[in-house]
PDB file of N, CA and C in Angstrom:
ATOM      1  N   MET A   1       0.816  -1.186   0.000  1.00  0.00           N
ATOM      2  CA  MET A   1       0.000   0.000   0.000  1.00  0.00           C
ATOM      3  C   MET A   1       0.866   1.258   0.000  1.00  0.00           C
ATOM      4  N   LEU A   2       1.878   1.286   0.860  1.00  0.00           N
ATOM      5  CA  LEU A   2       2.776   2.432   0.929  1.00  0.00           C
ATOM      6  C   LEU A   2       3.566   2.567  -0.366  1.00  0.00           C
ATOM      7  N   ALA A   3       3.968   1.434  -0.942  1.00  0.00           N
ATOM      8  CA  ALA A   3       4.713   1.462  -2.201  1.00  0.00           C
ATOM      9  C   ALA A   3       3.829   1.996  -3.328  1.00  0.00           C
ATOM     10  N   GLY A   4       2.564   1.632  -3.341  1.00  0.00           N
ATOM     11  CA  GLY A   4       1.629   2.121  -4.367  1.00  0.00           C
ATOM     12  C   GLY A   4       1.408   3.618  -4.248  1.00  0.00           C
ATOM     13  N   LEU A   5       1.272   4.101  -3.018  1.00  0.00           N
ATOM     14  CA  LEU A   5       1.093   5.532  -2.789  1.00  0.00           C
ATOM     15  C   LEU A   5       2.336   6.302  -3.203  1.00  0.00           C
ATOM     16  N   LEU A   6       3.495   5.751  -2.868  1.00  0.00           N
ATOM     17  CA  LEU A   6       4.760   6.390  -3.235  1.00  0.00           C
ATOM     18  C   LEU A   6       4.909   6.441  -4.757  1.00  0.00           C
ATOM     19  N   THR A   7       4.560   5.363  -5.434  1.00  0.00           N
ATOM     20  CA  THR A   7       4.624   5.322  -6.900  1.00  0.00           C
ATOM     21  C   THR A   7       3.671   6.351  -7.504  1.00  0.00           C
ATOM     22  N   PHE A   8       2.467   6.435  -6.954  1.00  0.00           N
ATOM     23  CA  PHE A   8       1.489   7.407  -7.438  1.00  0.00           C
ATOM     24  C   PHE A   8       2.009   8.836  -7.275  1.00  0.00           C
ATOM     25  N   LEU A   9       2.592   9.140  -6.123  1.00  0.00           N
ATOM     26  CA  LEU A   9       3.119  10.483  -5.878  1.00  0.00           C
ATOM     27  C   LEU A   9       4.273  10.816  -6.823  1.00  0.00           C
ATOM     28  N   ILE A  10       5.126   9.842  -7.093  1.00  0.00           N
ATOM     29  CA  ILE A  10       6.250  10.072  -8.009  1.00  0.00           C
ATOM     30  C   ILE A  10       5.732  10.328  -9.421  1.00  0.00           C
ATOM     31  N   VAL A  11       4.785   9.505  -9.870  1.00  0.00           N
ATOM     32  CA  VAL A  11       4.213   9.678 -11.214  1.00  0.00           C
ATOM     33  C   VAL A  11       3.491  11.024 -11.306  1.00  0.00           C
ATOM     34  N   ALA A  12       2.726  11.371 -10.273  1.00  0.00           N
ATOM     35  CA  ALA A  12       2.017  12.651 -10.265  1.00  0.00           C
ATOM     36  C   ALA A  12       3.010  13.809 -10.286  1.00  0.00           C
ATOM     37  N   GLY A  13       4.087  13.692  -9.528  1.00  0.00           N
ATOM     38  CA  GLY A  13       5.114  14.736  -9.511  1.00  0.00           C
ATOM     39  C   GLY A  13       5.775  14.904 -10.871  1.00  0.00           C
ATOM     40  N   VAL A  14       6.072  13.788 -11.526  1.00  0.00           N
ATOM     41  CA  VAL A  14       6.676  13.848 -12.861  1.00  0.00           C
ATOM     42  C   VAL A  14       5.706  14.490 -13.851  1.00  0.00           C
ATOM     43  N   LEU A  15       4.428  14.124 -13.775  1.00  0.00           N
ATOM     44  CA  LEU A  15       3.434  14.711 -14.676  1.00  0.00           C
ATOM     45  C   LEU A  15       3.297  16.218 -14.459  1.00  0.00           C
ATOM     46  N   VAL A  16       3.268  16.632 -13.210  1.00  0.00           N
ATOM     47  CA  VAL A  16       3.186  18.064 -12.910  1.00  0.00           C
ATOM     48  C   VAL A  16       4.414  18.781 -13.465  1.00  0.00           C
ATOM     49  N   TYR A  17       5.580  18.184 -13.298  1.00  0.00           N
ATOM     50  CA  TYR A  17       6.823  18.767 -13.809  1.00  0.00           C
ATOM     51  C   TYR A  17       6.776  18.887 -15.333  1.00  0.00           C
ATOM     52  N   VAL A  18       6.295  17.845 -16.013  1.00  0.00           N
ATOM     53  CA  VAL A  18       6.197  17.865 -17.479  1.00  0.00           C
ATOM     54  C   VAL A  18       5.232  18.958 -17.931  1.00  0.00           C
ATOM     55  N   VAL A  19       4.114  19.106 -17.252  1.00  0.00           N
ATOM     56  CA  VAL A  19       3.145  20.144 -17.606  1.00  0.00           C
ATOM     57  C   VAL A  19       3.755  21.530 -17.408  1.00  0.00           C
ATOM     58  N   ILE A  20       4.463  21.729 -16.316  1.00  0.00           N
ATOM     59  CA  ILE A  20       5.100  23.024 -16.056  1.00  0.00           C
ATOM     60  C   ILE A  20       6.130  23.336 -17.140  1.00  0.00           C
ATOM     61  N   ILE A  21       6.956  22.366 -17.485  1.00  0.00           N
ATOM     62  CA  ILE A  21       7.969  22.567 -18.525  1.00  0.00           C
ATOM     63  C   ILE A  21       7.298  22.868 -19.864  1.00  0.00           C
ATOM     64  N   TYR A  22       6.256  22.124 -20.204  1.00  0.00           N
ATOM     65  CA  TYR A  22       5.541  22.344 -21.463  1.00  0.00           C
ATOM     66  C   TYR A  22       4.962  23.760 -21.513  1.00  0.00           C
ATOM     67  N   ASN A  23       4.329  24.188 -20.436  1.00  0.00           N
ATOM     68  CA  ASN A  23       3.757  25.536 -20.386  1.00  0.00           C
ATOM     69  C   ASN A  23       4.836  26.602 -20.525  1.00  0.00           C
ATOM     70  N   GLU A  24       5.975  26.383 -19.920  1.00  0.00           N
ATOM     71  CA  GLU A  24       7.083  27.337 -20.030  1.00  0.00           C
ATOM     72  C   GLU A  24       7.595  27.406 -21.470  1.00  0.00           C
ATOM     73  N   LEU A  25       7.699  26.259 -22.131  1.00  0.00           N
ATOM     74  CA  LEU A  25       8.142  26.245 -23.528  1.00  0.00           C
ATOM     75  C   LEU A  25       7.139  26.954 -24.437  1.00  0.00           C
ATOM     76  N   VAL A  26       5.867  26.770 -24.191  1.00  0.00           N
ATOM     77  CA  VAL A  26       4.839  27.465 -24.973  1.00  0.00           C
ATOM     78  C   VAL A  26       4.942  28.968 -24.745  1.00  0.00           C
ATOM     79  N   ARG A  27       5.136  29.375 -23.499  1.00  0.00           N
ATOM     80  CA  ARG A  27       5.278  30.804 -23.189  1.00  0.00           C
ATOM     81  C   ARG A  27       6.487  31.391 -23.898  1.00  0.00           C
ATOM     82  N   LEU A  28       7.608  30.674 -23.873  1.00  0.00           N
ATOM     83  CA  LEU A  28       8.818  31.155 -24.539  1.00  0.00           C
ATOM     84  C   LEU A  28       8.620  31.261 -26.051  1.00  0.00           C
ATOM     85  N   ARG A  29       7.927  30.285 -26.637  1.00  0.00           N
ATOM     86  CA  ARG A  29       7.656  30.344 -28.074  1.00  0.00           C
ATOM     87  C   ARG A  29       6.769  31.546 -28.397  1.00  0.00           C
ATOM     88  N   ASN A  30       5.770  31.801 -27.574  1.00  0.00           N
ATOM     89  CA  ASN A  30       4.896  32.955 -27.789  1.00  0.00           C
ATOM     90  C   ASN A  30       5.661  34.265 -27.637  1.00  0.00           C
ATOM     91  N   ASP A  31       6.549  34.334 -26.640  1.00  0.00           N
ATOM     92  CA  ASP A  31       7.384  35.523 -26.469  1.00  0.00           C
ATOM     93  C   ASP A  31       8.260  35.743 -27.696  1.00  0.00           C
ATOM     94  N   ASN A  32       8.821  34.658 -28.215  1.00  0.00           N
ATOM     95  CA  ASN A  32       9.669  34.742 -29.401  1.00  0.00           C
ATOM     96  C   ASN A  32       8.863  35.222 -30.610  1.00  0.00           C
ATOM     97  N   ASP A  33       7.689  34.665 -30.803  1.00  0.00           N
ATOM     98  CA  ASP A  33       6.836  35.082 -31.919  1.00  0.00           C
ATOM     99  C   ASP A  33       6.445  36.552 -31.798  1.00  0.00           C
ATOM    100  N   ARG A  34       6.131  36.983 -30.587  1.00  0.00           N
ATOM    101  CA  ARG A  34       5.757  38.373 -30.357  1.00  0.00           C
ATOM    102  C   ARG A  34       6.940  39.302 -30.630  1.00  0.00           C
ATOM    103  N   ALA A  35       8.132  38.890 -30.216  1.00  0.00           N
ATOM    104  CA  ALA A  35       9.325  39.706 -30.453  1.00  0.00           C
ATOM    105  C   ALA A  35       9.592  39.853 -31.950  1.00  0.00           C
ATOM    106  N   TRP A  36       9.482  38.745 -32.696  1.00  0.00           N
ATOM    107  CA  TRP A  36       9.687  38.830 -34.148  1.00  0.00           C
ATOM    108  C   TRP A  36       8.606  39.679 -34.807  1.00  0.00           C
ATOM    109  N   ALA A  37       7.399  39.616 -34.320  1.00  0.00           N
ATOM    110  CA  ALA A  37       6.330  40.453 -34.875  1.00  0.00           C
ATOM    111  C   ALA A  37       6.634  41.929 -34.633  1.00  0.00           C
ATOM    112  N   ASN A  38       7.152  42.255 -33.451  1.00  0.00           N
ATOM    113  CA  ASN A  38       7.534  43.638 -33.152  1.00  0.00           C
ATOM    114  C   ASN A  38       8.664  44.100 -34.059  1.00  0.00           C
ATOM    115  N   ILE A  39       9.636  43.228 -34.278  1.00  0.00           N
ATOM    116  CA  ILE A  39      10.741  43.567 -35.176  1.00  0.00           C
ATOM    117  C   ILE A  39      10.211  43.799 -36.585  1.00  0.00           C
ATOM    118  N   ASP A  40       9.298  42.951 -37.017  1.00  0.00           N
ATOM    119  CA  ASP A  40       8.722  43.090 -38.352  1.00  0.00           C
ATOM    120  C   ASP A  40       7.999  44.428 -38.497  1.00  0.00           C
ATOM    121  N   VAL A  41       7.261  44.829 -37.477  1.00  0.00           N
ATOM    122  CA  VAL A  41       6.558  46.116 -37.511  1.00  0.00           C
ATOM    123  C   VAL A  41       7.559  47.261 -37.607  1.00  0.00           C
ATOM    124  N   LEU A  42       8.622  47.197 -36.818  1.00  0.00           N
ATOM    125  CA  LEU A  42       9.629  48.257 -36.855  1.00  0.00           C
ATOM    126  C   LEU A  42      10.326  48.320 -38.206  1.00  0.00           C
ATOM    127  N   LEU A  43      10.605  47.168 -38.798  1.00  0.00           N
ATOM    128  CA  LEU A  43      11.226  47.156 -40.125  1.00  0.00           C
ATOM    129  C   LEU A  43      10.283  47.754 -41.169  1.00  0.00           C
ATOM    130  N   LYS A  44       9.006  47.450 -41.073  1.00  0.00           N
ATOM    131  CA  LYS A  44       8.046  48.024 -42.018  1.00  0.00           C
ATOM    132  C   LYS A  44       7.965  49.535 -41.856  1.00  0.00           C
ATOM    133  N   GLN A  45       7.976  50.016 -40.621  1.00  0.00           N
ATOM    134  CA  GLN A  45       7.961  51.459 -40.394  1.00  0.00           C
ATOM    135  C   GLN A  45       9.210  52.099 -40.982  1.00  0.00           C
ATOM    136  N   ARG A  46      10.336  51.442 -40.796  1.00  0.00           N
ATOM    137  CA  ARG A  46      11.601  51.951 -41.339  1.00  0.00           C
ATOM    138  C   ARG A  46      11.531  52.000 -42.856  1.00  0.00           C
ATOM    139  N   HIS A  47      11.008  50.942 -43.460  1.00  0.00           N
ATOM    140  CA  HIS A  47      10.919  50.891 -44.917  1.00  0.00           C
ATOM    141  C   HIS A  47       9.942  51.927 -45.458  1.00  0.00           C
ATOM    142  N   ASP A  48       8.915  52.237 -44.695  1.00  0.00           N
ATOM    143  CA  ASP A  48       7.960  53.251 -45.129  1.00  0.00           C
ATOM    144  C   ASP A  48       8.573  54.650 -45.122  1.00  0.00           C
ATOM    145  N   GLU A  49       9.585  54.875 -44.308  1.00  0.00           N
ATOM    146  CA  GLU A  49      10.236  56.182 -44.232  1.00  0.00           C
ATOM    147  C   GLU A  49      11.282  56.379 -45.325  1.00  0.00           C
ATOM    148  N   ILE A  50      11.785  55.298 -45.891  1.00  0.00           N
ATOM    149  CA  ILE A  50      12.869  55.413 -46.877  1.00  0.00           C
ATOM    150  C   ILE A  50      12.448  56.220 -48.105  1.00  0.00           C
ATOM    151  N   PRO A  51      11.262  56.001 -48.700  1.00  0.00           N
ATOM    152  CA  PRO A  51      10.896  56.849 -49.851  1.00  0.00           C
ATOM    153  C   PRO A  51      10.844  58.338 -49.499  1.00  0.00           C
ATOM    154  N   ASN A  52      10.388  58.661 -48.298  1.00  0.00           N
ATOM    155  CA  ASN A  52      10.378  60.063 -47.861  1.00  0.00           C
ATOM    156  C   ASN A  52      11.794  60.610 -47.786  1.00  0.00           C
ATOM    157  N   LEU A  53      12.701  59.800 -47.274  1.00  0.00           N
ATOM    158  CA  LEU A  53      14.099  60.219 -47.178  1.00  0.00           C
ATOM    159  C   LEU A  53      14.690  60.431 -48.567  1.00  0.00           C
ATOM    160  N   VAL A  54      14.436  59.505 -49.477  1.00  0.00           N
ATOM    161  CA  VAL A  54      14.965  59.625 -50.840  1.00  0.00           C
ATOM    162  C   VAL A  54      14.419  60.884 -51.505  1.00  0.00           C
ATOM    163  N   GLU A  55      13.136  61.158 -51.337  1.00  0.00           N
ATOM    164  CA  GLU A  55      12.549  62.369 -51.918  1.00  0.00           C
ATOM    165  C   GLU A  55      13.164  63.629 -51.314  1.00  0.00           C
ATOM    166  N   THR A  56      13.448  63.593 -50.028  1.00  0.00           N
ATOM    167  CA  THR A  56      14.033  64.751 -49.359  1.00  0.00           C
ATOM    168  C   THR A  56      15.432  65.044 -49.883  1.00  0.00           C
ATOM    169  N   VAL A  57      16.225  64.018 -50.090  1.00  0.00           N
ATOM    170  CA  VAL A  57      17.624  64.234 -50.483  1.00  0.00           C
ATOM    171  C   VAL A  57      17.807  64.315 -51.994  1.00  0.00           C
ATOM    172  N   LYS A  58      16.800  63.949 -52.758  1.00  0.00           N
ATOM    173  CA  LYS A  58      16.932  63.908 -54.217  1.00  0.00           C
ATOM    174  C   LYS A  58      17.382  65.252 -54.791  1.00  0.00           C
ATOM    175  N   GLY A  59      16.820  66.324 -54.329  1.00  0.00           N
ATOM    176  CA  GLY A  59      17.186  67.648 -54.835  1.00  0.00           C
ATOM    177  C   GLY A  59      18.614  68.036 -54.503  1.00  0.00           C
ATOM    178  N   TYR A  60      19.119  67.573 -53.394  1.00  0.00           N
ATOM    179  CA  TYR A  60      20.470  67.920 -52.970  1.00  0.00           C
ATOM    180  C   TYR A  60      21.524  67.015 -53.609  1.00  0.00           C
ATOM    181  N   LEU A  61      21.183  65.763 -53.807  1.00  0.00           N
ATOM    182  CA  LEU A  61      22.159  64.770 -54.265  1.00  0.00           C
ATOM    183  C   LEU A  61      21.944  64.401 -55.730  1.00  0.00           C
ATOM    184  N   GLN A  62      21.851  65.396 -56.593  1.00  0.00           N
ATOM    185  CA  GLN A  62      21.599  65.121 -58.001  1.00  0.00           C
ATOM    186  C   GLN A  62      22.734  64.327 -58.640  1.00  0.00           C
ATOM    187  N   HIS A  63      23.939  64.490 -58.149  1.00  0.00           N
ATOM    188  CA  HIS A  63      25.092  63.793 -58.724  1.00  0.00           C
ATOM    189  C   HIS A  63      25.365  62.471 -58.018  1.00  0.00           C
ATOM    190  N   GLU A  64      24.510  62.085 -57.115  1.00  0.00           N
ATOM    191  CA  GLU A  64      24.699  60.859 -56.329  1.00  0.00           C
ATOM    192  C   GLU A  64      23.571  59.864 -56.603  1.00  0.00           C
ATOM    193  N   GLN A  65      23.199  59.729 -57.852  1.00  0.00           N
ATOM    194  CA  GLN A  65      22.092  58.841 -58.214  1.00  0.00           C
ATOM    195  C   GLN A  65      22.378  57.386 -57.848  1.00  0.00           C
ATOM    196  N   GLN A  66      23.639  56.986 -57.914  1.00  0.00           N
ATOM    197  CA  GLN A  66      23.998  55.601 -57.585  1.00  0.00           C
ATOM    198  C   GLN A  66      23.686  55.301 -56.114  1.00  0.00           C
ATOM    199  N   THR A  67      23.939  56.262 -55.259  1.00  0.00           N
ATOM    200  CA  THR A  67      23.654  56.088 -53.831  1.00  0.00           C
ATOM    201  C   THR A  67      22.153  55.954 -53.598  1.00  0.00           C
ATOM    202  N   LEU A  68      21.381  56.815 -54.237  1.00  0.00           N
ATOM    203  CA  LEU A  68      19.924  56.748 -54.092  1.00  0.00           C
ATOM    204  C   LEU A  68      19.373  55.448 -54.665  1.00  0.00           C
ATOM    205  N   LEU A  69      19.945  55.002 -55.781  1.00  0.00           N
ATOM    206  CA  LEU A  69      19.511  53.746 -56.387  1.00  0.00           C
ATOM    207  C   LEU A  69      19.807  52.569 -55.462  1.00  0.00           C
ATOM    208  N   ALA A  70      20.969  52.601 -54.803  1.00  0.00           N
ATOM    209  CA  ALA A  70      21.328  51.522 -53.870  1.00  0.00           C
ATOM    210  C   ALA A  70      20.336  51.454 -52.711  1.00  0.00           C
ATOM    211  N   VAL A  71      19.937  52.597 -52.190  1.00  0.00           N
ATOM    212  CA  VAL A  71      18.971  52.633 -51.085  1.00  0.00           C
ATOM    213  C   VAL A  71      17.621  52.089 -51.550  1.00  0.00           C
ATOM    214  N   THR A  72      17.188  52.521 -52.721  1.00  0.00           N
ATOM    215  CA  THR A  72      15.897  52.077 -53.248  1.00  0.00           C
ATOM    216  C   THR A  72      15.890  50.579 -53.522  1.00  0.00           C
ATOM    217  N   GLN A  73      16.974  50.066 -54.103  1.00  0.00           N
ATOM    218  CA  GLN A  73      17.051  48.631 -54.389  1.00  0.00           C
ATOM    219  C   GLN A  73      17.108  47.808 -53.106  1.00  0.00           C
ATOM    220  N   ALA A  74      17.843  48.292 -52.116  1.00  0.00           N
ATOM    221  CA  ALA A  74      17.923  47.577 -50.838  1.00  0.00           C
ATOM    222  C   ALA A  74      16.550  47.531 -50.167  1.00  0.00           C
ATOM    223  N   ARG A  75      15.818  48.629 -50.245  1.00  0.00           N
ATOM    224  CA  ARG A  75      14.468  48.657 -49.669  1.00  0.00           C
ATOM    225  C   ARG A  75      13.563  47.663 -50.384  1.00  0.00           C
ATOM    226  N   ALA A  76      13.641  47.626 -51.710  1.00  0.00           N
ATOM    227  CA  ALA A  76      12.807  46.695 -52.478  1.00  0.00           C
ATOM    228  C   ALA A  76      13.137  45.247 -52.115  1.00  0.00           C
ATOM    229  N   ALA A  77      14.421  44.940 -51.974  1.00  0.00           N
ATOM    230  CA  ALA A  77      14.821  43.579 -51.598  1.00  0.00           C
ATOM    231  C   ALA A  77      14.297  43.231 -50.210  1.00  0.00           C
ATOM    232  N   SER A  78      14.333  44.192 -49.316  1.00  0.00           N
ATOM    233  CA  SER A  78      13.866  43.949 -47.954  1.00  0.00           C
ATOM    234  C   SER A  78      12.352  43.758 -47.913  1.00  0.00           C
ATOM    235  N   MET A  79      11.635  44.514 -48.720  1.00  0.00           N
ATOM    236  CA  MET A  79      10.175  44.390 -48.744  1.00  0.00           C
ATOM    237  C   MET A  79       9.742  43.038 -49.320  1.00  0.00           C
ATOM    238  N   ASN A  80      10.570  42.457 -50.187  1.00  0.00           N
ATOM    239  CA  ASN A  80      10.231  41.179 -50.815  1.00  0.00           C
ATOM    240  C   ASN A  80      10.706  39.975 -50.009  1.00  0.00           C
ATOM    241  N   ALA A  81      11.454  40.200 -48.943  1.00  0.00           N
ATOM    242  CA  ALA A  81      11.968  39.092 -48.132  1.00  0.00           C
ATOM    243  C   ALA A  81      10.807  38.391 -47.431  1.00  0.00           C
ATOM    244  N   ALA A  82      10.854  37.064 -47.446  1.00  0.00           N
ATOM    245  CA  ALA A  82       9.745  36.290 -46.881  1.00  0.00           C
ATOM    246  C   ALA A  82      10.086  35.675 -45.529  1.00  0.00           C
ATOM    247  N   THR A  83      11.261  35.088 -45.413  1.00  0.00           N
ATOM    248  CA  THR A  83      11.622  34.399 -44.177  1.00  0.00           C
ATOM    249  C   THR A  83      12.382  35.342 -43.250  1.00  0.00           C
ATOM    250  N   ILE A  84      12.525  34.924 -42.013  1.00  0.00           N
ATOM    251  CA  ILE A  84      13.250  35.734 -41.037  1.00  0.00           C
ATOM    252  C   ILE A  84      14.700  35.912 -41.469  1.00  0.00           C
ATOM    253  N   GLY A  85      15.310  34.852 -41.966  1.00  0.00           N
ATOM    254  CA  GLY A  85      16.693  34.938 -42.428  1.00  0.00           C
ATOM    255  C   GLY A  85      16.847  35.895 -43.590  1.00  0.00           C
ATOM    256  N   GLN A  86      15.916  35.847 -44.533  1.00  0.00           N
ATOM    257  CA  GLN A  86      15.963  36.762 -45.672  1.00  0.00           C
ATOM    258  C   GLN A  86      15.750  38.202 -45.219  1.00  0.00           C
ATOM    259  N   LYS A  87      14.860  38.397 -44.264  1.00  0.00           N
ATOM    260  CA  LYS A  87      14.618  39.749 -43.750  1.00  0.00           C
ATOM    261  C   LYS A  87      15.857  40.293 -43.051  1.00  0.00           C
ATOM    262  N   ALA A  88      16.525  39.449 -42.286  1.00  0.00           N
ATOM    263  CA  ALA A  88      17.740  39.882 -41.592  1.00  0.00           C
ATOM    264  C   ALA A  88      18.822  40.247 -42.600  1.00  0.00           C
ATOM    265  N   GLN A  89      18.998  39.416 -43.617  1.00  0.00           N
ATOM    266  CA  GLN A  89      20.007  39.682 -44.645  1.00  0.00           C
ATOM    267  C   GLN A  89      19.666  40.959 -45.411  1.00  0.00           C
ATOM    268  N   ALA A  90      18.401  41.119 -45.768  1.00  0.00           N
ATOM    269  CA  ALA A  90      17.976  42.306 -46.508  1.00  0.00           C
ATOM    270  C   ALA A  90      18.127  43.561 -45.662  1.00  0.00           C
ATOM    271  N   ASP A  91      17.872  43.452 -44.363  1.00  0.00           N
ATOM    272  CA  ASP A  91      18.024  44.623 -43.504  1.00  0.00           C
ATOM    273  C   ASP A  91      19.484  45.043 -43.410  1.00  0.00           C
ATOM    274  N   LEU A  92      20.392  44.096 -43.486  1.00  0.00           N
ATOM    275  CA  LEU A  92      21.813  44.455 -43.526  1.00  0.00           C
ATOM    276  C   LEU A  92      22.118  45.274 -44.779  1.00  0.00           C
ATOM    277  N   LEU A  93      21.506  44.907 -45.899  1.00  0.00           N
ATOM    278  CA  LEU A  93      21.691  45.676 -47.135  1.00  0.00           C
ATOM    279  C   LEU A  93      21.118  47.085 -46.990  1.00  0.00           C
ATOM    280  N   VAL A  94      19.940  47.186 -46.389  1.00  0.00           N
ATOM    281  CA  VAL A  94      19.319  48.497 -46.179  1.00  0.00           C
ATOM    282  C   VAL A  94      20.197  49.355 -45.276  1.00  0.00           C
ATOM    283  N   THR A  95      20.681  48.766 -44.202  1.00  0.00           N
ATOM    284  CA  THR A  95      21.532  49.509 -43.271  1.00  0.00           C
ATOM    285  C   THR A  95      22.794  50.002 -43.963  1.00  0.00           C
ATOM    286  N   GLY A  96      23.420  49.142 -44.763  1.00  0.00           N
ATOM    287  CA  GLY A  96      24.625  49.546 -45.492  1.00  0.00           C
ATOM    288  C   GLY A  96      24.341  50.655 -46.487  1.00  0.00           C
ATOM    289  N   ALA A  97      23.233  50.552 -47.208  1.00  0.00           N
ATOM    290  CA  ALA A  97      22.877  51.584 -48.184  1.00  0.00           C
ATOM    291  C   ALA A  97      22.574  52.909 -47.487  1.00  0.00           C
ATOM    292  N   LEU A  98      21.883  52.845 -46.354  1.00  0.00           N
ATOM    293  CA  LEU A  98      21.583  54.076 -45.614  1.00  0.00           C
ATOM    294  C   LEU A  98      22.846  54.705 -45.045  1.00  0.00           C
ATOM    295  N   ARG A  99      23.778  53.878 -44.590  1.00  0.00           N
ATOM    296  CA  ARG A  99      25.054  54.427 -44.109  1.00  0.00           C
ATOM    297  C   ARG A  99      25.767  55.163 -45.236  1.00  0.00           C
ATOM    298  N   GLY A 100      25.736  54.569 -46.427  1.00  0.00           N
ATOM    299  CA  GLY A 100      26.346  55.231 -47.581  1.00  0.00           C
ATOM    300  C   GLY A 100      25.666  56.554 -47.884  1.00  0.00           C
ATOM    301  N   LEU A 101      24.347  56.570 -47.826  1.00  0.00           N
ATOM    302  CA  LEU A 101      23.596  57.798 -48.077  1.00  0.00           C
ATOM    303  C   LEU A 101      23.915  58.859 -47.029  1.00  0.00           C
ATOM    304  N   PHE A 102      23.952  58.460 -45.770  1.00  0.00           N
ATOM    305  CA  PHE A 102      24.243  59.425 -44.711  1.00  0.00           C
ATOM    306  C   PHE A 102      25.683  59.928 -44.803  1.00  0.00           C
ATOM    307  N   ALA A 103      26.605  59.068 -45.249  1.00  0.00           N
ATOM    308  CA  ALA A 103      27.994  59.496 -45.424  1.00  0.00           C
ATOM    309  C   ALA A 103      28.092  60.523 -46.546  1.00  0.00           C
ATOM    310  N   VAL A 104      27.383  60.294 -47.642  1.00  0.00           N
ATOM    311  CA  VAL A 104      27.382  61.254 -48.753  1.00  0.00           C
ATOM    312  C   VAL A 104      26.718  62.555 -48.310  1.00  0.00           C
ATOM    313  N   ALA A 105      25.680  62.465 -47.499  1.00  0.00           N
ATOM    314  CA  ALA A 105      24.964  63.653 -47.032  1.00  0.00           C
ATOM    315  C   ALA A 105      25.853  64.562 -46.195  1.00  0.00           C
ATOM    316  N   GLU A 106      26.904  63.999 -45.616  1.00  0.00           N
ATOM    317  CA  GLU A 106      27.841  64.816 -44.830  1.00  0.00           C
ATOM    318  C   GLU A 106      28.474  65.905 -45.695  1.00  0.00           C
ATOM    319  N   ASN A 107      28.568  65.669 -47.006  1.00  0.00           N
ATOM    320  CA  ASN A 107      29.210  66.624 -47.914  1.00  0.00           C
ATOM    321  C   ASN A 107      28.279  67.749 -48.350  1.00  0.00           C
ATOM    322  N   TYR A 108      27.042  67.725 -47.915  1.00  0.00           N
ATOM    323  CA  TYR A 108      26.055  68.717 -48.333  1.00  0.00           C
ATOM    324  C   TYR A 108      25.510  69.445 -47.105  1.00  0.00           C
ATOM    325  N   PRO A 109      26.106  70.596 -46.766  1.00  0.00           N
ATOM    326  CA  PRO A 109      25.691  71.314 -45.545  1.00  0.00           C
ATOM    327  C   PRO A 109      24.218  71.741 -45.558  1.00  0.00           C
ATOM    328  N   GLN A 110      23.702  72.114 -46.745  1.00  0.00           N
ATOM    329  CA  GLN A 110      22.294  72.533 -46.785  1.00  0.00           C
ATOM    330  C   GLN A 110      21.372  71.364 -46.434  1.00  0.00           C
ATOM    331  N   LEU A 111      21.753  70.187 -46.888  1.00  0.00           N
ATOM    332  CA  LEU A 111      20.954  69.000 -46.577  1.00  0.00           C
ATOM    333  C   LEU A 111      21.013  68.693 -45.089  1.00  0.00           C
ATOM    334  N   ARG A 112      22.186  68.827 -44.506  1.00  0.00           N
ATOM    335  CA  ARG A 112      22.334  68.546 -43.079  1.00  0.00           C
ATOM    336  C   ARG A 112      21.574  69.561 -42.233  1.00  0.00           C
ATOM    337  N   ALA A 113      21.286  70.722 -42.821  1.00  0.00           N
ATOM    338  CA  ALA A 113      20.521  71.737 -42.101  1.00  0.00           C
ATOM    339  C   ALA A 113      19.015  71.571 -42.319  1.00  0.00           C
ATOM    340  N   ASN A 114      18.625  70.694 -43.220  1.00  0.00           N
ATOM    341  CA  ASN A 114      17.219  70.472 -43.528  1.00  0.00           C
ATOM    342  C   ASN A 114      16.565  69.719 -42.368  1.00  0.00           C
ATOM    343  N   GLU A 115      15.569  70.347 -41.774  1.00  0.00           N
ATOM    344  CA  GLU A 115      14.914  69.767 -40.593  1.00  0.00           C
ATOM    345  C   GLU A 115      14.213  68.446 -40.915  1.00  0.00           C
ATOM    346  N   ASN A 116      13.595  68.361 -42.079  1.00  0.00           N
ATOM    347  CA  ASN A 116      12.910  67.134 -42.483  1.00  0.00           C
ATOM    348  C   ASN A 116      13.910  65.987 -42.624  1.00  0.00           C
ATOM    349  N   PHE A 117      15.062  66.264 -43.216  1.00  0.00           N
ATOM    350  CA  PHE A 117      16.103  65.244 -43.362  1.00  0.00           C
ATOM    351  C   PHE A 117      16.571  64.762 -41.996  1.00  0.00           C
ATOM    352  N   LEU A 118      16.790  65.680 -41.086  1.00  0.00           N
ATOM    353  CA  LEU A 118      17.263  65.304 -39.749  1.00  0.00           C
ATOM    354  C   LEU A 118      16.231  64.449 -39.012  1.00  0.00           C
ATOM    355  N   LYS A 119      14.953  64.801 -39.152  1.00  0.00           N
ATOM    356  CA  LYS A 119      13.901  63.999 -38.511  1.00  0.00           C
ATOM    357  C   LYS A 119      13.866  62.590 -39.088  1.00  0.00           C
ATOM    358  N   LEU A 120      13.926  62.501 -40.417  1.00  0.00           N
ATOM    359  CA  LEU A 120      13.903  61.183 -41.057  1.00  0.00           C
ATOM    360  C   LEU A 120      15.133  60.370 -40.692  1.00  0.00           C
ATOM    361  N   GLN A 121      16.270  61.027 -40.638  1.00  0.00           N
ATOM    362  CA  GLN A 121      17.508  60.326 -40.276  1.00  0.00           C
ATOM    363  C   GLN A 121      17.395  59.743 -38.871  1.00  0.00           C
ATOM    364  N   ASN A 122      16.840  60.489 -37.959  1.00  0.00           N
ATOM    365  CA  ASN A 122      16.666  59.990 -36.589  1.00  0.00           C
ATOM    366  C   ASN A 122      15.643  58.865 -36.522  1.00  0.00           C
ATOM    367  N   ARG A 123      14.581  58.964 -37.300  1.00  0.00           N
ATOM    368  CA  ARG A 123      13.535  57.936 -37.265  1.00  0.00           C
ATOM    369  C   ARG A 123      13.994  56.632 -37.889  1.00  0.00           C
ATOM    370  N   ILE A 124      14.843  56.744 -38.901  1.00  0.00           N
ATOM    371  CA  ILE A 124      15.315  55.535 -39.584  1.00  0.00           C
ATOM    372  C   ILE A 124      16.444  54.947 -38.782  1.00  0.00           C
TER     373      ILE A 124
END
């Protein structure tokens, strides 16, 4: 009788432990999914600002069409990315293209004084 009760308690304890672990894994998966969804939203917001940035700098950077084209192409590649890995890779391209654009913008004092450009630069 005591052995049966002890066996029951051990089995019940193991089951409770398995349920707790399972619930924790589900919570972690949900947290991960929510985090990726937040990242996706932020990337979409960033991509939505890029055309505004390109329009703002277009008048100043008439001789830098290659830089603007690189930013536009990187944005298009990022918008077409389907998987998380593709999105991460595409975002690296966007970041590199934007760094190039911001580096070129350093040579144009009027652009650096443009309030709209500064706001977009901070938001992106």
